[in-house]
Structure formats: C-alpha cells, structure tokens
Amino acid sequence: MAKKLRITLIKSTIGQKAEKKATVRSLGLKKLNSTVEHEATDAIKGMVVSVAHLVKVEEID
C-alpha cells in the first residue's frame, strides 16, 4: 500500500509569487487550515518542497 501525505495550508499565499499560488491551488488547498490527502508520488513531493514554507505535511499510512 502506498504512503499518503496529509497536507495543510498554514500560511496565507498573499504576497507570494504567482507560481507558488498556483502550486498551492494545484495541491487542492483553498483556504487557511484546509487539508488534503495525496499519494506520496514524486510530483506531489516536489510541489510540497516548493511551498514548504506555507504548508504542514504529515505522513500517514
């Protein structure tokens, strides 16, 4: 079974570059404290790394 990531938006995207805002939106995060779960694929991990200062990530099984 593949590992999953629980991603929570903890900081606002106001004042961030358009690329960072687009990455947050593509992860499925809209409002502060919204949470989504994704499979731990390389693409998702790369997006999380690029917005690591805005999100909190937890590994779940």
Protein backbone atom coordinates (compact mmCIF):
# COMPACT_ATOMS: atom_id res chain seq x y z
CA MET A 1 0.00 0.00 0.00
CA ALA A 2 1.36 3.39 -0.99
CA LYS A 3 2.04 6.01 1.64
CA LYS A 4 -0.12 9.11 1.75
CA LEU A 5 0.63 12.68 2.69
CA ARG A 6 -1.74 14.91 4.65
CA ILE A 7 -1.04 18.50 3.57
CA THR A 8 -2.42 21.51 5.47
CA LEU A 9 -2.17 25.16 4.41
CA ILE A 10 -0.88 27.03 7.46
CA LYS A 11 0.25 30.33 5.94
CA SER A 12 -1.53 32.63 3.51
CA THR A 13 -0.47 32.92 -0.12
CA ILE A 14 -0.96 36.70 -0.06
CA GLY A 15 2.26 38.34 -1.19
CA GLN A 16 3.64 35.12 -2.73
CA LYS A 17 4.67 34.79 -6.36
CA ALA A 18 2.10 33.55 -8.85
CA GLU A 19 3.96 30.23 -9.25
CA LYS A 20 3.65 29.49 -5.53
CA LYS A 21 -0.04 30.39 -5.52
CA ALA A 22 -0.62 28.10 -8.49
CA THR A 23 1.20 25.25 -6.77
CA VAL A 24 -0.92 25.60 -3.64
CA ARG A 25 -4.10 25.62 -5.74
CA SER A 26 -2.98 22.58 -7.74
CA LEU A 27 -2.47 20.70 -4.48
CA GLY A 28 -6.16 21.36 -3.79
CA LEU A 29 -5.70 23.87 -0.97
CA LYS A 30 -8.00 26.89 -1.00
CA LYS A 31 -8.35 28.43 2.47
CA LEU A 32 -6.14 28.58 5.52
CA ASN A 33 -6.19 25.38 7.57
CA SER A 34 -7.67 23.41 4.68
CA THR A 35 -6.33 19.87 4.48
CA VAL A 36 -5.98 17.41 1.60
CA GLU A 37 -4.56 13.90 1.29
CA HIS A 38 -2.47 12.79 -1.68
CA GLU A 39 -0.47 9.73 -2.61
CA ALA A 40 3.25 10.26 -1.93
CA THR A 41 4.35 10.46 -5.57
CA ASP A 42 7.45 12.28 -6.79
CA ALA A 43 5.34 15.03 -8.38
CA ILE A 44 3.43 15.73 -5.17
CA LYS A 45 6.62 15.66 -3.10
CA GLY A 46 8.21 18.18 -5.45
CA MET A 47 5.25 20.53 -5.18
CA VAL A 48 5.32 20.25 -1.39
CA VAL A 49 9.03 21.08 -1.28
CA SER A 50 8.47 24.21 -3.37
CA VAL A 51 5.82 25.54 -0.96
CA ALA A 52 7.23 24.04 2.26
CA HIS A 53 7.16 27.43 3.98
CA LEU A 54 3.38 27.62 3.51
CA VAL A 55 2.26 24.08 4.37
CA LYS A 56 2.49 21.44 7.08
CA VAL A 57 2.98 17.85 5.90
CA GLU A 58 2.26 14.63 7.76
CA GLU A 59 2.92 11.10 6.51
CA ILE A 60 0.03 8.71 7.08
CA ASP A 61 -0.31 5.00 6.37
